[in-house]
Amino acid sequence: MPSDQSFLSLCLRLARKGLGWTNPNPLAGAVLVRNNRIIGRGFHHQVGKAHAEIEALAVSEDPKGATLYVNLEPCSSFGKTPPCVDTIIEKKIKKVVFSTLDPNPKNYGKGLAKLQQAGIETSVGILETEARRLNEAFFIFHEKNRPFIVLKFAASLDGKIATYTGDSRWITNEKARLYARNLRGQYQAILAGINTILADNPNLGTRIKGKKDPIRIILDAELKIPLNAQVLRDNNVIIATTTKANKSKQAQLEKKGVTVWLFDQITINKILSKLKEETIISILVEGGGQTLGEFVDAKIIDKVYAFHAPLIIGGEKAISIGRQGASTIKQALHLQNVIFKRFEDNLLTIGYIQKV
């Protein structure tokens, strides 16, 4: 006989179908069950569209008296859509089982309370760890009041991310690069420094059919970015610059539809504060060495994807993660919950710095 855990596992699998498309909303899947038989299922497809619970209820048989399973507490506030709890109550659902409370202060515990006040039986906490991990960016954003920060880099065995001339194409093999591009589609924004743009003229998109491109954020204090750079191919881009930058160049960028953020000085904390203000819940930091080093020194990192290829670049002037770095091994950032993936002769290390 199916269990609550098995139905919630299905919710988590359904939720993953919205990966990359729901930001800044969480991933959510829902299953409607009567007499241990699934009579409806759904997931949150895209921000602004129906939430998982509403989709499951819409495609189900008469839901009266059924049990609703969902990986996250049903919302109780108005956003781009009405509160899910109101519809759940209206449809006379008998029981609601969900994995974890919604960390958003607008909803935290309020959906649960409203369901209980309506006489609906509730159960919370099954597969909570798995549910938090699925929506790790959403939880960090609301619990720590900042975006979920992910560092991604590819390096040689001796820790170089480019040669002394700036060449980095390609350190990793094609399979590893495809995986890395797929990663971009999972995060709301991707961040890089101007030196990376000038050296590589990267696309910073997924280039994978069906995967959404992240918002491209470029740190460019002096507005050195060429107007024909690949990252400026559309208006899904933000340039963070300073008030001292060329005003004519700024006007040209804005005419192209580029969003320009002005700071007196670009610092990690100022960028994170602006990202929070703009409800950008996750960023994938791709480089270059100095930008990666800024985040390492600030020790504001949640997750790391480190690709390594079996080659040695050498050279004192070859590029590695820059800035000051740790003064002792004890002060170095230590990864937790580490897992490894292999792409032929390339190795990917995935781990967490901050507890999620």
Protein backbone atom coordinates (compact mmCIF):
# COMPACT_ATOMS: atom_id res chain seq x y z
CA MET A 1 0.00 0.00 0.00
CA PRO A 2 1.42 3.45 -0.91
CA SER A 3 2.58 5.56 2.03
CA ASP A 4 2.62 9.27 2.76
CA GLN A 5 6.34 9.16 2.03
CA SER A 6 5.83 7.64 -1.41
CA PHE A 7 3.23 10.24 -2.36
CA LEU A 8 5.50 13.06 -1.17
CA SER A 9 8.41 11.55 -3.11
CA LEU A 10 6.24 11.82 -6.20
CA CYS A 11 5.53 15.46 -5.31
CA LEU A 12 9.27 16.16 -5.23
CA ARG A 13 9.77 14.50 -8.62
CA LEU A 14 6.91 16.50 -10.10
CA ALA A 15 8.27 19.72 -8.59
CA ARG A 16 11.64 19.28 -10.33
CA LYS A 17 9.91 19.63 -13.70
CA GLY A 18 9.69 23.38 -13.05
CA LEU A 19 13.42 23.72 -12.36
CA GLY A 20 14.68 27.10 -13.53
CA TRP A 21 11.24 28.40 -14.55
CA THR A 22 9.58 29.23 -11.22
CA ASN A 23 12.09 31.73 -9.78
CA PRO A 24 11.64 33.54 -7.47
CA ASN A 25 8.87 31.12 -6.51
CA PRO A 26 9.71 27.69 -5.06
CA LEU A 27 9.50 24.38 -6.88
CA ALA A 28 6.29 22.61 -5.91
CA GLY A 29 4.53 19.39 -6.83
CA ALA A 30 1.14 18.17 -5.62
CA VAL A 31 -0.73 14.86 -5.64
CA LEU A 32 -4.40 14.35 -4.78
CA VAL A 33 -5.29 10.91 -3.37
CA ARG A 34 -8.48 9.09 -2.46
CA ASN A 35 -8.50 5.50 -1.13
CA ASN A 36 -4.77 5.23 -1.96
CA ARG A 37 -5.48 6.04 -5.61
CA ILE A 38 -4.09 9.16 -7.27
CA ILE A 39 -6.94 11.23 -8.69
CA GLY A 40 -4.95 14.36 -9.59
CA ARG A 41 -1.43 15.65 -9.85
CA GLY A 42 0.30 18.87 -10.81
CA PHE A 43 3.37 21.06 -10.46
CA HIS A 44 4.21 24.75 -10.60
CA HIS A 45 5.25 25.28 -14.22
CA GLN A 46 6.28 28.92 -14.24
CA VAL A 47 6.11 32.06 -12.13
CA GLY A 48 2.73 33.71 -12.58
CA LYS A 49 1.00 30.45 -13.49
CA ALA A 50 -1.11 28.18 -11.28
CA HIS A 51 0.56 26.70 -8.21
CA ALA A 52 0.93 22.94 -7.95
CA GLU A 53 -2.07 22.46 -5.63
CA ILE A 54 -4.39 24.38 -7.95
CA GLU A 55 -3.25 22.42 -11.00
CA ALA A 56 -3.76 19.10 -9.19
CA LEU A 57 -7.24 20.14 -8.06
CA ALA A 58 -8.16 21.37 -11.54
CA VAL A 59 -7.38 18.08 -13.28
CA SER A 60 -8.76 15.76 -10.58
CA GLU A 61 -12.05 14.01 -10.12
CA ASP A 62 -14.34 15.50 -7.47
CA PRO A 63 -11.71 16.23 -4.75
CA LYS A 64 -14.14 16.38 -1.83
CA GLY A 65 -12.85 14.23 1.06
CA ALA A 66 -9.49 13.51 -0.65
CA THR A 67 -5.97 13.92 0.78
CA LEU A 68 -3.69 16.49 -0.79
CA TYR A 69 0.08 15.94 -0.76
CA VAL A 70 2.48 18.79 -1.49
CA ASN A 71 6.17 19.32 -0.75
CA LEU A 72 5.69 22.85 0.65
CA GLU A 73 3.09 24.49 2.87
CA PRO A 74 0.22 25.82 0.70
CA CYS A 75 0.44 29.60 0.35
CA SER A 76 -1.93 31.84 2.28
CA SER A 77 -1.14 35.25 0.74
CA PHE A 78 -2.03 36.97 -2.50
CA GLY A 79 0.76 37.22 -5.06
CA LYS A 80 0.46 36.77 -8.80
CA THR A 81 -2.20 34.17 -7.95
CA PRO A 82 -4.77 33.87 -5.11
CA PRO A 83 -3.95 31.90 -1.92
CA CYS A 84 -3.97 28.14 -2.43
CA VAL A 85 -5.40 27.46 1.04
CA ASP A 86 -8.66 29.20 0.12
CA THR A 87 -9.20 26.86 -2.82
CA ILE A 88 -8.23 23.81 -0.74
CA ILE A 89 -10.82 24.75 1.88
CA GLU A 90 -13.42 25.53 -0.77
CA LYS A 91 -12.93 22.11 -2.41
CA LYS A 92 -13.50 20.40 0.96
CA ILE A 93 -10.20 18.53 1.07
CA LYS A 94 -10.15 16.22 4.11
CA LYS A 95 -6.40 16.18 4.83
CA VAL A 96 -3.28 18.03 3.68
CA VAL A 97 0.17 16.44 4.04
CA PHE A 98 3.23 18.57 3.30
CA SER A 99 6.95 18.27 3.94
CA THR A 100 7.88 21.66 5.33
CA LEU A 101 6.57 25.08 6.27
CA ASP A 102 7.02 27.90 3.76
CA PRO A 103 10.03 30.04 4.87
CA ASN A 104 8.55 33.18 3.29
CA PRO A 105 7.41 35.34 6.25
CA LYS A 106 4.23 36.19 4.31
CA ASN A 107 3.22 32.53 4.47
CA TYR A 108 5.20 30.89 7.27
CA GLY A 109 2.79 28.78 9.33
CA LYS A 110 -0.21 30.78 8.14
CA GLY A 111 -1.39 28.24 5.61
CA LEU A 112 -1.14 25.51 8.24
CA ALA A 113 -3.13 27.59 10.75
CA LYS A 114 -5.83 28.43 8.23
CA LEU A 115 -6.26 24.78 7.22
CA GLN A 116 -6.51 23.70 10.84
CA GLN A 117 -9.02 26.45 11.62
CA ALA A 118 -11.15 25.12 8.77
CA GLY A 119 -11.13 21.66 10.38
CA ILE A 120 -8.81 20.11 7.81
CA GLU A 121 -6.44 17.47 9.17
CA THR A 122 -2.77 18.28 8.57
CA SER A 123 0.58 16.52 8.73
CA VAL A 124 3.95 18.27 8.42
CA GLY A 125 7.57 17.06 8.34
CA ILE A 126 7.78 13.94 6.17
CA LEU A 127 10.78 14.21 3.79
CA GLU A 128 11.58 17.65 5.20
CA THR A 129 15.32 17.36 4.48
CA GLU A 130 14.67 16.40 0.86
CA ALA A 131 12.12 19.18 0.46
CA ARG A 132 14.52 21.80 1.82
CA ARG A 133 17.32 20.58 -0.43
CA LEU A 134 15.07 20.78 -3.50
CA ASN A 135 14.27 24.43 -2.71
CA GLU A 136 17.60 25.29 -1.09
CA ALA A 137 17.83 28.67 -2.81
CA PHE A 138 14.30 29.65 -1.76
CA PHE A 139 14.98 28.72 1.87
CA ILE A 140 18.31 30.57 2.06
CA PHE A 141 16.81 33.66 0.46
CA HIS A 142 14.02 33.92 3.02
CA GLU A 143 15.90 32.65 6.08
CA LYS A 144 19.17 34.58 5.54
CA ASN A 145 17.79 37.56 3.61
CA ARG A 146 20.20 37.15 0.71
CA PRO A 147 20.48 35.12 -2.48
CA PHE A 148 21.72 31.54 -2.53
CA ILE A 149 25.31 31.82 -3.79
CA VAL A 150 26.94 29.13 -5.90
CA LEU A 151 30.53 29.16 -7.16
CA LYS A 152 31.35 27.28 -10.34
CA PHE A 153 34.80 27.00 -11.89
CA ALA A 154 36.93 24.68 -13.99
CA ALA A 155 40.58 24.19 -13.11
CA SER A 156 43.67 22.22 -14.00
CA LEU A 157 45.24 19.84 -11.50
CA ASP A 158 47.46 22.66 -10.30
CA GLY A 159 44.47 24.92 -9.65
CA LYS A 160 44.74 27.21 -12.69
CA ILE A 161 41.52 28.46 -14.31
CA ALA A 162 43.35 29.99 -17.30
CA THR A 163 46.87 30.32 -18.71
CA TYR A 164 48.96 33.46 -18.21
CA THR A 165 47.55 34.76 -21.55
CA GLY A 166 43.99 34.29 -20.28
CA ASP A 167 43.26 31.23 -22.44
CA SER A 168 40.82 28.77 -20.83
CA ARG A 169 39.25 27.04 -23.85
CA TRP A 170 38.88 24.34 -23.01
CA ILE A 171 40.10 23.06 -19.67
CA THR A 172 37.25 20.56 -19.32
CA ASN A 173 35.83 18.14 -21.86
CA GLU A 174 32.59 18.49 -23.80
CA LYS A 175 30.48 16.37 -21.42
CA ALA A 176 31.58 18.42 -18.42
CA ARG A 177 30.84 21.66 -20.28
CA LEU A 178 27.36 20.46 -21.20
CA TYR A 179 26.67 19.68 -17.55
CA ALA A 180 27.94 23.14 -16.60
CA ARG A 181 25.67 24.85 -19.12
CA ASN A 182 22.75 22.86 -17.79
CA LEU A 183 23.59 24.20 -14.31
CA ARG A 184 23.05 27.74 -15.55
CA GLY A 185 19.40 26.97 -16.22
CA GLN A 186 18.85 26.01 -12.59
CA TYR A 187 19.71 29.42 -11.14
CA GLN A 188 17.92 32.72 -11.46
CA ALA A 189 21.05 34.70 -12.31
CA ILE A 190 24.62 34.16 -13.40
CA LEU A 191 27.37 36.58 -12.37
CA ALA A 192 30.75 37.30 -13.94
CA GLY A 193 33.36 40.03 -13.86
CA ILE A 194 34.25 42.22 -16.82
CA ASN A 195 37.67 40.54 -17.27
CA THR A 196 35.91 37.28 -18.13
CA ILE A 197 33.77 39.07 -20.72
CA LEU A 198 36.81 40.79 -22.28
CA ALA A 199 38.94 37.63 -22.32
CA ASP A 200 36.39 35.04 -23.45
CA ASN A 201 33.33 36.89 -24.82
CA PRO A 202 31.18 34.15 -23.22
CA ASN A 203 27.53 33.44 -23.97
CA LEU A 204 26.63 32.77 -20.30
CA GLY A 205 23.44 31.03 -21.43
CA THR A 206 22.39 27.40 -21.36
CA ARG A 207 22.21 26.95 -25.14
CA ILE A 208 20.02 23.94 -24.37
CA LYS A 209 16.52 23.64 -25.83
CA GLY A 210 13.86 23.86 -23.13
CA LYS A 211 16.23 25.36 -20.56
CA LYS A 212 15.75 28.94 -19.44
CA ASP A 213 18.68 31.34 -19.62
CA PRO A 214 19.52 33.00 -16.29
CA ILE A 215 19.69 36.75 -15.86
CA ARG A 216 23.26 37.74 -16.77
CA ILE A 217 24.89 40.07 -14.23
CA ILE A 218 28.22 41.67 -15.17
CA LEU A 219 30.42 43.54 -12.70
CA ASP A 220 31.95 46.34 -14.78
CA ALA A 221 33.07 49.34 -12.74
CA GLU A 222 34.32 51.34 -15.76
CA LEU A 223 31.83 50.11 -18.40
CA LYS A 224 34.52 48.47 -20.51
CA ILE A 225 32.05 45.99 -21.98
CA PRO A 226 31.95 46.00 -25.80
CA LEU A 227 28.50 46.81 -27.18
CA ASN A 228 28.72 43.72 -29.41
CA ALA A 229 29.54 41.32 -26.54
CA GLN A 230 27.58 38.06 -26.64
CA VAL A 231 26.10 38.70 -23.20
CA LEU A 232 24.35 41.77 -24.64
CA ARG A 233 22.46 39.71 -27.24
CA ASP A 234 19.14 40.54 -25.54
CA ASN A 235 17.90 42.59 -22.58
CA ASN A 236 18.11 39.74 -20.05
CA VAL A 237 21.23 41.35 -18.62
CA ILE A 238 22.25 43.68 -15.80
CA ILE A 239 25.46 45.69 -15.69
CA ALA A 240 26.66 46.70 -12.23
CA THR A 241 28.86 49.76 -12.57
CA THR A 242 29.89 52.91 -10.70
CA THR A 243 28.78 56.53 -10.79
CA LYS A 244 32.19 57.40 -12.25
CA ALA A 245 31.60 55.29 -15.37
CA ASN A 246 31.18 56.84 -18.83
CA LYS A 247 27.68 58.33 -19.02
CA SER A 248 27.58 58.12 -22.81
CA LYS A 249 28.34 54.37 -22.66
CA GLN A 250 25.67 53.97 -19.99
CA ALA A 251 23.12 55.67 -22.24
CA GLN A 252 24.06 53.38 -25.14
CA LEU A 253 23.59 50.31 -22.98
CA GLU A 254 20.26 51.50 -21.65
CA LYS A 255 19.12 52.23 -25.21
CA LYS A 256 19.77 48.55 -25.98
CA GLY A 257 17.45 47.64 -23.09
CA VAL A 258 20.24 46.72 -20.67
CA THR A 259 19.54 47.38 -16.99
CA VAL A 260 22.35 49.39 -15.38
CA TRP A 261 22.86 49.42 -11.61
CA LEU A 262 24.89 52.35 -10.30
CA PHE A 263 27.00 52.13 -7.14
CA ASP A 264 29.51 54.52 -5.65
CA GLN A 265 31.71 51.43 -5.31
CA ILE A 266 31.02 47.81 -6.24
CA THR A 267 31.24 45.51 -3.23
CA ILE A 268 29.86 42.04 -2.60
CA ASN A 269 27.57 43.28 0.16
CA LYS A 270 26.14 46.06 -2.02
CA ILE A 271 25.51 43.62 -4.87
CA LEU A 272 23.82 41.13 -2.54
CA SER A 273 21.66 43.86 -1.04
CA LYS A 274 20.53 44.93 -4.52
CA LEU A 275 19.84 41.32 -5.53
CA LYS A 276 17.71 40.88 -2.41
CA GLU A 277 15.83 44.09 -3.22
CA GLU A 278 15.16 42.81 -6.76
CA THR A 279 13.99 39.38 -5.44
CA ILE A 280 16.76 37.49 -7.22
CA ILE A 281 17.01 34.42 -5.02
CA SER A 282 20.03 32.62 -6.50
CA ILE A 283 23.22 33.44 -8.38
CA LEU A 284 25.76 31.21 -10.08
CA VAL A 285 29.16 32.94 -9.87
CA GLU A 286 31.23 31.86 -12.90
CA GLY A 287 34.28 34.10 -12.79
CA GLY A 288 36.80 35.20 -13.39
CA GLY A 289 39.51 34.67 -10.84
CA GLN A 290 39.16 38.02 -9.09
CA THR A 291 35.38 37.81 -8.85
CA LEU A 292 35.52 34.27 -7.51
CA GLY A 293 38.14 35.43 -5.02
CA GLU A 294 35.90 38.26 -3.79
CA PHE A 295 33.25 35.73 -2.76
CA VAL A 296 35.81 33.37 -1.23
CA ASP A 297 37.31 36.17 0.86
CA ALA A 298 33.84 37.35 1.93
CA LYS A 299 33.00 33.75 2.94
CA ILE A 300 29.49 34.24 1.57
CA ILE A 301 29.14 31.03 -0.39
CA ASP A 302 26.57 28.27 -0.06
CA LYS A 303 27.50 25.72 -2.69
CA VAL A 304 30.45 24.91 -4.96
CA TYR A 305 30.78 23.12 -8.30
CA ALA A 306 34.49 22.56 -8.97
CA PHE A 307 35.47 20.84 -12.23
CA HIS A 308 38.99 19.47 -12.58
CA ALA A 309 40.68 18.14 -15.69
CA PRO A 310 43.86 16.01 -15.84
CA LEU A 311 46.20 18.69 -17.15
CA ILE A 312 48.87 20.92 -15.65
CA ILE A 313 49.09 24.54 -16.81
CA GLY A 314 51.88 25.84 -14.58
CA GLY A 315 53.29 29.33 -14.46
CA GLU A 316 53.33 31.95 -11.72
CA LYS A 317 51.26 34.31 -13.87
CA ALA A 318 48.63 31.76 -14.83
CA ILE A 319 45.21 32.66 -13.48
CA SER A 320 43.73 31.04 -10.38
CA ILE A 321 41.13 32.13 -7.83
CA GLY A 322 42.41 35.53 -6.80
CA ARG A 323 42.30 38.17 -4.07
CA GLN A 324 43.75 37.48 -0.64
CA GLY A 325 42.59 33.96 0.16
CA ALA A 326 42.97 32.10 3.46
CA SER A 327 46.02 32.77 5.62
CA THR A 328 45.93 29.27 7.14
CA ILE A 329 44.53 25.93 6.07
CA LYS A 330 42.22 26.05 9.07
CA GLN A 331 40.69 29.27 7.70
CA ALA A 332 40.14 27.78 4.25
CA LEU A 333 36.59 27.09 3.14
CA HIS A 334 35.84 23.43 3.79
CA LEU A 335 33.15 21.70 1.76
CA GLN A 336 30.53 19.54 3.46
CA ASN A 337 28.21 16.83 2.13
CA VAL A 338 30.61 16.33 -0.76
CA ILE A 339 29.70 14.23 -3.78
CA PHE A 340 31.68 13.51 -6.94
CA LYS A 341 30.69 13.08 -10.58
CA ARG A 342 32.89 11.86 -13.43
CA PHE A 343 32.77 12.95 -17.04
CA GLU A 344 35.22 10.51 -18.60
CA ASP A 345 38.59 11.79 -17.31
CA ASN A 346 37.14 14.97 -15.76
CA LEU A 347 36.02 15.13 -12.14
CA LEU A 348 33.36 17.36 -10.61
CA THR A 349 33.32 18.03 -6.87
CA ILE A 350 30.01 19.31 -5.46
CA GLY A 351 29.77 20.47 -1.88
CA TYR A 352 28.27 22.96 0.53
CA ILE A 353 29.95 25.69 2.56
CA GLN A 354 26.90 26.92 4.44
CA LYS A 355 24.39 24.57 6.03
CA VAL A 356 21.20 24.45 3.97
